[in-house]
Every structure is written in C-alpha cells, then in structure tokens.
C-alpha cells in the first residue's frame, strides 16, 4: 500500500526540521584537500569581522589581540547616550565568550572581565544608571573576575584585584546593594586567599 499524501507531508516536515551538525560538516571536510581548506578559511575570514577577530586571536596576530573584544565591551556597556545608543549585557558577555573560544588564555580572560567591570561601574556612576539587570550582571562578572584572577601568579593577580577593589568602591554609588554585594564577595575571596595551607 502506497503511503498517503498526508504521511509524505509529515515525513518531509520532519526532515526539514532536522538540523545539520558539526559531524556532518566534519564528514565533508574529510574529503577536502589542504588547498581547499585554505580557500574555505579565506572565505570565512572575509565573510564576517567576528571570524577575522577569532583567527587573529587564535594565532596571536596584531599588537593587542584583546582590543577588538574591549571595543565591543565598551560599546555595549558604556554607550554614547547622546547618540541614543543602548546597552546590551548579552553582547558584552558574548565578547568574553568569543575570546574564550578563540584562546581562553587566563590572563587575557581576567583582563577582559576586569575591564568589563570597570566599564559597567564607570558608566553607572557617570550617568546614574538604574537598570537592576545591568547591576546583577556586573556583580556576577565581578565574582567571575576574582575567580579567574586568583588562578594567576601574584604579579598579575594583585594588579587585577586592586582594579576590582576600585570597581567595588565606585559601585557603592550605584545603590541597589551593588557595593555591599561586592564587599561580601571580595571579603570571602580575601579570606580564602589568605587562609594558610594545611601541611600534612
């Protein structure tokens, strides 16, 4: 018995909903030679600025691979209100996520996180921002920045923590308990860092 038109329609609908995955792309790439791969990467490089930034970061090209990410963070956390630009925590967070995918080097990651906090606190203090979700994101990033900074050698860690301490001080002007939350987070971090190790 032949399948009905209706059953065929449902089958096609199910197939159209299936999403292609990395395994499908990987299977196709297996048959591409080196020259073909270079052309493919070149096409991707030219297709979007994000792809160029990713490759520059992955291969350590340019004087400061962090600068493009900082520009994105600055744009979305400290917009030009006179030009009616808006904020976007999601897009600022995406810049850090993109760096993690490209390299994720701890010192660079910590620097971007601290810069994020500096920009968010500075903007809030400068214009009197009252967005609670923006403040929540700032406090979360403050704690993440401390966590990552704590994995670094003292020479790099202490400078970053000092910058975060300035962020904490500025954030007391924001209200909404932002500064108090940061006081608590920094106190816990300092207590944990200064706790003597137990020798066995």
C-alpha atoms as a PDB file:
ATOM      1  CA  UNK A   1       0.000   0.000   0.000  1.00  0.00           C
ATOM      2  CA  UNK A   2       1.407   3.410  -1.000  1.00  0.00           C
ATOM      3  CA  UNK A   3       1.848   5.996   1.748  1.00  0.00           C
ATOM      4  CA  UNK A   4      -0.763   8.729   1.792  1.00  0.00           C
ATOM      5  CA  UNK A   5      -0.035  12.284   0.714  1.00  0.00           C
ATOM      6  CA  UNK A   6      -0.545  13.365   4.320  1.00  0.00           C
ATOM      7  CA  UNK A   7       2.072  10.920   5.651  1.00  0.00           C
ATOM      8  CA  UNK A   8       4.543  12.087   2.982  1.00  0.00           C
ATOM      9  CA  UNK A   9       3.931  15.664   4.035  1.00  0.00           C
ATOM     10  CA  UNK A  10       4.704  14.818   7.664  1.00  0.00           C
ATOM     11  CA  UNK A  11       7.857  12.944   6.635  1.00  0.00           C
ATOM     12  CA  UNK A  12       9.133  15.932   4.640  1.00  0.00           C
ATOM     13  CA  UNK A  13       8.298  18.248   7.542  1.00  0.00           C
ATOM     14  CA  UNK A  14      10.287  16.074   9.949  1.00  0.00           C
ATOM     15  CA  UNK A  15      13.253  16.027   7.585  1.00  0.00           C
ATOM     16  CA  UNK A  16      13.186  19.786   7.090  1.00  0.00           C
ATOM     17  CA  UNK A  17      13.267  20.284  10.854  1.00  0.00           C
ATOM     18  CA  UNK A  18      16.400  18.187  11.296  1.00  0.00           C
ATOM     19  CA  UNK A  19      19.400  20.434  11.899  1.00  0.00           C
ATOM     20  CA  UNK A  20      22.806  19.859  10.405  1.00  0.00           C
ATOM     21  CA  UNK A  21      25.532  19.251  12.979  1.00  0.00           C
ATOM     22  CA  UNK A  22      29.297  19.578  13.231  1.00  0.00           C
ATOM     23  CA  UNK A  23      29.608  15.846  12.499  1.00  0.00           C
ATOM     24  CA  UNK A  24      28.000  16.459   9.088  1.00  0.00           C
ATOM     25  CA  UNK A  25      30.445  19.274   8.313  1.00  0.00           C
ATOM     26  CA  UNK A  26      33.362  17.223   9.608  1.00  0.00           C
ATOM     27  CA  UNK A  27      32.474  14.378   7.282  1.00  0.00           C
ATOM     28  CA  UNK A  28      32.528  16.759   4.309  1.00  0.00           C
ATOM     29  CA  UNK A  29      35.818  18.347   5.388  1.00  0.00           C
ATOM     30  CA  UNK A  30      37.490  14.929   5.424  1.00  0.00           C
ATOM     31  CA  UNK A  31      37.396  14.901   1.630  1.00  0.00           C
ATOM     32  CA  UNK A  32      38.771  18.442   1.187  1.00  0.00           C
ATOM     33  CA  UNK A  33      42.487  18.804   0.465  1.00  0.00           C
ATOM     34  CA  UNK A  34      44.815  21.403   2.008  1.00  0.00           C
ATOM     35  CA  UNK A  35      44.332  23.901  -0.802  1.00  0.00           C
ATOM     36  CA  UNK A  36      40.574  23.586  -0.496  1.00  0.00           C
ATOM     37  CA  UNK A  37      40.736  24.113   3.258  1.00  0.00           C
ATOM     38  CA  UNK A  38      42.804  27.277   2.788  1.00  0.00           C
ATOM     39  CA  UNK A  39      40.227  28.631   0.356  1.00  0.00           C
ATOM     40  CA  UNK A  40      37.443  27.772   2.798  1.00  0.00           C
ATOM     41  CA  UNK A  41      39.199  29.541   5.682  1.00  0.00           C
ATOM     42  CA  UNK A  42      39.880  32.528   3.440  1.00  0.00           C
ATOM     43  CA  UNK A  43      36.180  32.713   2.565  1.00  0.00           C
ATOM     44  CA  UNK A  44      35.243  32.527   6.231  1.00  0.00           C
ATOM     45  CA  UNK A  45      37.831  35.203   7.016  1.00  0.00           C
ATOM     46  CA  UNK A  46      36.256  37.551   4.515  1.00  0.00           C
ATOM     47  CA  UNK A  47      32.675  36.754   5.442  1.00  0.00           C
ATOM     48  CA  UNK A  48      32.480  38.481   8.830  1.00  0.00           C
ATOM     49  CA  UNK A  49      34.540  40.632  11.181  1.00  0.00           C
ATOM     50  CA  UNK A  50      33.947  38.175  14.038  1.00  0.00           C
ATOM     51  CA  UNK A  51      35.687  35.456  12.028  1.00  0.00           C
ATOM     52  CA  UNK A  52      38.683  37.713  11.414  1.00  0.00           C
ATOM     53  CA  UNK A  53      38.887  38.606  15.100  1.00  0.00           C
ATOM     54  CA  UNK A  54      38.710  34.919  16.039  1.00  0.00           C
ATOM     55  CA  UNK A  55      41.555  33.950  13.703  1.00  0.00           C
ATOM     56  CA  UNK A  56      43.726  36.914  14.686  1.00  0.00           C
ATOM     57  CA  UNK A  57      43.270  35.956  18.343  1.00  0.00           C
ATOM     58  CA  UNK A  58      43.822  32.228  17.816  1.00  0.00           C
ATOM     59  CA  UNK A  59      47.122  32.863  16.005  1.00  0.00           C
ATOM     60  CA  UNK A  60      48.241  35.805  18.154  1.00  0.00           C
ATOM     61  CA  UNK A  61      48.262  38.316  15.303  1.00  0.00           C
ATOM     62  CA  UNK A  62      48.402  42.039  15.994  1.00  0.00           C
ATOM     63  CA  UNK A  63      49.866  44.088  18.809  1.00  0.00           C
ATOM     64  CA  UNK A  64      46.895  43.642  21.144  1.00  0.00           C
ATOM     65  CA  UNK A  65      44.528  40.742  20.490  1.00  0.00           C
ATOM     66  CA  UNK A  66      42.285  41.900  23.338  1.00  0.00           C
ATOM     67  CA  UNK A  67      41.497  45.276  21.778  1.00  0.00           C
ATOM     68  CA  UNK A  68      38.617  44.168  19.497  1.00  0.00           C
ATOM     69  CA  UNK A  69      36.918  42.463  22.447  1.00  0.00           C
ATOM     70  CA  UNK A  70      37.407  45.526  24.625  1.00  0.00           C
ATOM     71  CA  UNK A  71      35.897  47.719  21.934  1.00  0.00           C
ATOM     72  CA  UNK A  72      32.797  45.527  21.891  1.00  0.00           C
ATOM     73  CA  UNK A  73      32.531  45.539  25.685  1.00  0.00           C
ATOM     74  CA  UNK A  74      32.969  49.308  25.791  1.00  0.00           C
ATOM     75  CA  UNK A  75      30.326  49.855  23.123  1.00  0.00           C
ATOM     76  CA  UNK A  76      27.662  47.792  24.865  1.00  0.00           C
ATOM     77  CA  UNK A  77      28.401  48.662  28.491  1.00  0.00           C
ATOM     78  CA  UNK A  78      29.269  52.351  28.124  1.00  0.00           C
ATOM     79  CA  UNK A  79      27.250  53.557  25.116  1.00  0.00           C
ATOM     80  CA  UNK A  80      27.009  57.141  23.901  1.00  0.00           C
ATOM     81  CA  UNK A  81      23.688  58.198  25.422  1.00  0.00           C
ATOM     82  CA  UNK A  82      23.725  61.459  23.450  1.00  0.00           C
ATOM     83  CA  UNK A  83      23.576  59.376  20.270  1.00  0.00           C
ATOM     84  CA  UNK A  84      20.769  57.318  21.837  1.00  0.00           C
ATOM     85  CA  UNK A  85      22.872  54.153  21.896  1.00  0.00           C
ATOM     86  CA  UNK A  86      21.594  51.425  24.189  1.00  0.00           C
ATOM     87  CA  UNK A  87      23.303  48.941  26.496  1.00  0.00           C
ATOM     88  CA  UNK A  88      23.442  45.191  25.993  1.00  0.00           C
ATOM     89  CA  UNK A  89      24.829  42.945  28.695  1.00  0.00           C
ATOM     90  CA  UNK A  90      24.334  39.943  26.403  1.00  0.00           C
ATOM     91  CA  UNK A  91      26.527  41.386  23.659  1.00  0.00           C
ATOM     92  CA  UNK A  92      29.215  42.432  26.130  1.00  0.00           C
ATOM     93  CA  UNK A  93      29.178  38.922  27.604  1.00  0.00           C
ATOM     94  CA  UNK A  94      29.392  37.460  24.108  1.00  0.00           C
ATOM     95  CA  UNK A  95      32.678  39.279  23.537  1.00  0.00           C
ATOM     96  CA  UNK A  96      34.193  37.440  26.502  1.00  0.00           C
ATOM     97  CA  UNK A  97      32.676  34.137  25.390  1.00  0.00           C
ATOM     98  CA  UNK A  98      34.149  34.646  21.911  1.00  0.00           C
ATOM     99  CA  UNK A  99      37.605  35.236  23.373  1.00  0.00           C
ATOM    100  CA  UNK A 100      37.295  32.061  25.442  1.00  0.00           C
ATOM    101  CA  UNK A 101      36.518  30.095  22.286  1.00  0.00           C
ATOM    102  CA  UNK A 102      39.384  31.652  20.356  1.00  0.00           C
ATOM    103  CA  UNK A 103      42.071  31.242  23.019  1.00  0.00           C
ATOM    104  CA  UNK A 104      40.749  31.456  26.561  1.00  0.00           C
ATOM    105  CA  UNK A 105      44.179  32.306  27.980  1.00  0.00           C
ATOM    106  CA  UNK A 106      43.577  33.013  31.717  1.00  0.00           C
ATOM    107  CA  UNK A 107      45.460  36.329  31.909  1.00  0.00           C
ATOM    108  CA  UNK A 108      43.639  37.683  28.863  1.00  0.00           C
ATOM    109  CA  UNK A 109      40.314  36.391  30.135  1.00  0.00           C
ATOM    110  CA  UNK A 110      40.833  38.025  33.526  1.00  0.00           C
ATOM    111  CA  UNK A 111      41.800  41.304  31.875  1.00  0.00           C
ATOM    112  CA  UNK A 112      38.604  41.331  29.804  1.00  0.00           C
ATOM    113  CA  UNK A 113      36.488  40.517  32.849  1.00  0.00           C
ATOM    114  CA  UNK A 114      38.060  43.275  34.922  1.00  0.00           C
ATOM    115  CA  UNK A 115      37.684  45.709  32.027  1.00  0.00           C
ATOM    116  CA  UNK A 116      34.012  44.706  31.802  1.00  0.00           C
ATOM    117  CA  UNK A 117      33.544  45.567  35.489  1.00  0.00           C
ATOM    118  CA  UNK A 118      35.372  48.870  35.110  1.00  0.00           C
ATOM    119  CA  UNK A 119      33.233  49.927  32.178  1.00  0.00           C
ATOM    120  CA  UNK A 120      29.957  48.874  33.773  1.00  0.00           C
ATOM    121  CA  UNK A 121      30.735  50.578  37.091  1.00  0.00           C
ATOM    122  CA  UNK A 122      32.064  53.685  35.358  1.00  0.00           C
ATOM    123  CA  UNK A 123      29.007  54.022  33.142  1.00  0.00           C
ATOM    124  CA  UNK A 124      26.608  53.519  36.047  1.00  0.00           C
ATOM    125  CA  UNK A 125      28.421  56.105  38.127  1.00  0.00           C
ATOM    126  CA  UNK A 126      28.693  58.542  35.229  1.00  0.00           C
ATOM    127  CA  UNK A 127      25.051  58.638  34.158  1.00  0.00           C
ATOM    128  CA  UNK A 128      23.224  57.295  37.202  1.00  0.00           C
ATOM    129  CA  UNK A 129      22.147  54.018  35.617  1.00  0.00           C
ATOM    130  CA  UNK A 130      19.158  52.375  37.358  1.00  0.00           C
ATOM    131  CA  UNK A 131      18.963  49.058  35.487  1.00  0.00           C
ATOM    132  CA  UNK A 132      18.882  46.243  38.053  1.00  0.00           C
ATOM    133  CA  UNK A 133      19.607  43.517  35.489  1.00  0.00           C
ATOM    134  CA  UNK A 134      22.697  45.502  34.427  1.00  0.00           C
ATOM    135  CA  UNK A 135      23.825  45.632  38.073  1.00  0.00           C
ATOM    136  CA  UNK A 136      23.172  41.911  38.535  1.00  0.00           C
ATOM    137  CA  UNK A 137      25.392  41.186  35.539  1.00  0.00           C
ATOM    138  CA  UNK A 138      28.091  43.465  36.954  1.00  0.00           C
ATOM    139  CA  UNK A 139      28.116  41.666  40.307  1.00  0.00           C
ATOM    140  CA  UNK A 140      28.270  38.255  38.605  1.00  0.00           C
ATOM    141  CA  UNK A 141      31.175  39.364  36.431  1.00  0.00           C
ATOM    142  CA  UNK A 142      32.925  40.863  39.461  1.00  0.00           C
ATOM    143  CA  UNK A 143      32.896  37.458  41.162  1.00  0.00           C
ATOM    144  CA  UNK A 144      33.967  35.644  37.991  1.00  0.00           C
ATOM    145  CA  UNK A 145      36.830  38.105  37.504  1.00  0.00           C
ATOM    146  CA  UNK A 146      38.065  37.482  41.040  1.00  0.00           C
ATOM    147  CA  UNK A 147      37.873  33.733  40.492  1.00  0.00           C
ATOM    148  CA  UNK A 148      39.916  33.842  37.294  1.00  0.00           C
ATOM    149  CA  UNK A 149      42.386  36.401  38.674  1.00  0.00           C
ATOM    150  CA  UNK A 150      43.019  34.062  41.605  1.00  0.00           C
ATOM    151  CA  UNK A 151      44.422  31.450  39.213  1.00  0.00           C
ATOM    152  CA  UNK A 152      47.182  33.812  38.063  1.00  0.00           C
ATOM    153  CA  UNK A 153      50.661  34.375  39.540  1.00  0.00           C
ATOM    154  CA  UNK A 154      50.768  37.069  42.230  1.00  0.00           C
ATOM    155  CA  UNK A 155      52.411  39.592  39.908  1.00  0.00           C
ATOM    156  CA  UNK A 156      49.420  39.645  37.571  1.00  0.00           C
ATOM    157  CA  UNK A 157      46.750  38.784  40.118  1.00  0.00           C
ATOM    158  CA  UNK A 158      47.409  41.600  42.588  1.00  0.00           C
ATOM    159  CA  UNK A 159      47.115  44.337  39.958  1.00  0.00           C
ATOM    160  CA  UNK A 160      43.793  42.966  38.741  1.00  0.00           C
ATOM    161  CA  UNK A 161      42.430  42.619  42.272  1.00  0.00           C
ATOM    162  CA  UNK A 162      43.434  46.219  43.023  1.00  0.00           C
ATOM    163  CA  UNK A 163      41.476  47.352  39.960  1.00  0.00           C
ATOM    164  CA  UNK A 164      38.469  45.345  41.106  1.00  0.00           C
ATOM    165  CA  UNK A 165      38.734  46.951  44.514  1.00  0.00           C
ATOM    166  CA  UNK A 166      38.378  50.338  42.816  1.00  0.00           C
ATOM    167  CA  UNK A 167      35.335  48.990  40.983  1.00  0.00           C
ATOM    168  CA  UNK A 168      33.890  47.950  44.352  1.00  0.00           C
ATOM    169  CA  UNK A 169      34.438  51.437  45.742  1.00  0.00           C
ATOM    170  CA  UNK A 170      32.795  53.125  42.738  1.00  0.00           C
ATOM    171  CA  UNK A 171      29.875  50.702  42.824  1.00  0.00           C
ATOM    172  CA  UNK A 172      28.742  51.919  46.242  1.00  0.00           C
ATOM    173  CA  UNK A 173      27.417  54.966  44.384  1.00  0.00           C
ATOM    174  CA  UNK A 174      25.090  52.764  42.317  1.00  0.00           C
ATOM    175  CA  UNK A 175      22.731  51.814  45.111  1.00  0.00           C
ATOM    176  CA  UNK A 176      20.685  48.592  44.889  1.00  0.00           C
ATOM    177  CA  UNK A 177      23.186  46.912  47.221  1.00  0.00           C
ATOM    178  CA  UNK A 178      25.768  46.540  44.431  1.00  0.00           C
ATOM    179  CA  UNK A 179      28.664  47.816  46.514  1.00  0.00           C
ATOM    180  CA  UNK A 180      27.569  45.755  49.519  1.00  0.00           C
ATOM    181  CA  UNK A 181      27.449  42.595  47.406  1.00  0.00           C
ATOM    182  CA  UNK A 182      30.947  43.320  46.153  1.00  0.00           C
ATOM    183  CA  UNK A 183      32.162  43.941  49.715  1.00  0.00           C
ATOM    184  CA  UNK A 184      30.956  40.475  50.663  1.00  0.00           C
ATOM    185  CA  UNK A 185      32.434  38.805  47.569  1.00  0.00           C
ATOM    186  CA  UNK A 186      35.811  40.487  47.989  1.00  0.00           C
ATOM    187  CA  UNK A 187      35.910  39.676  51.696  1.00  0.00           C
ATOM    188  CA  UNK A 188      35.258  35.985  51.002  1.00  0.00           C
ATOM    189  CA  UNK A 189      37.909  35.986  48.285  1.00  0.00           C
ATOM    190  CA  UNK A 190      40.481  37.677  50.533  1.00  0.00           C
ATOM    191  CA  UNK A 191      39.739  35.300  53.406  1.00  0.00           C
ATOM    192  CA  UNK A 192      40.074  32.283  51.132  1.00  0.00           C
ATOM    193  CA  UNK A 193      43.289  33.596  49.562  1.00  0.00           C
ATOM    194  CA  UNK A 194      44.914  34.396  52.903  1.00  0.00           C
ATOM    195  CA  UNK A 195      43.914  31.119  54.541  1.00  0.00           C
ATOM    196  CA  UNK A 196      47.135  29.236  55.420  1.00  0.00           C
ATOM    197  CA  UNK A 197      47.617  25.927  53.710  1.00  0.00           C
ATOM    198  CA  UNK A 198      47.456  22.816  55.899  1.00  0.00           C
ATOM    199  CA  UNK A 199      50.622  20.750  55.822  1.00  0.00           C
ATOM    200  CA  UNK A 200      50.419  17.044  56.276  1.00  0.00           C
END
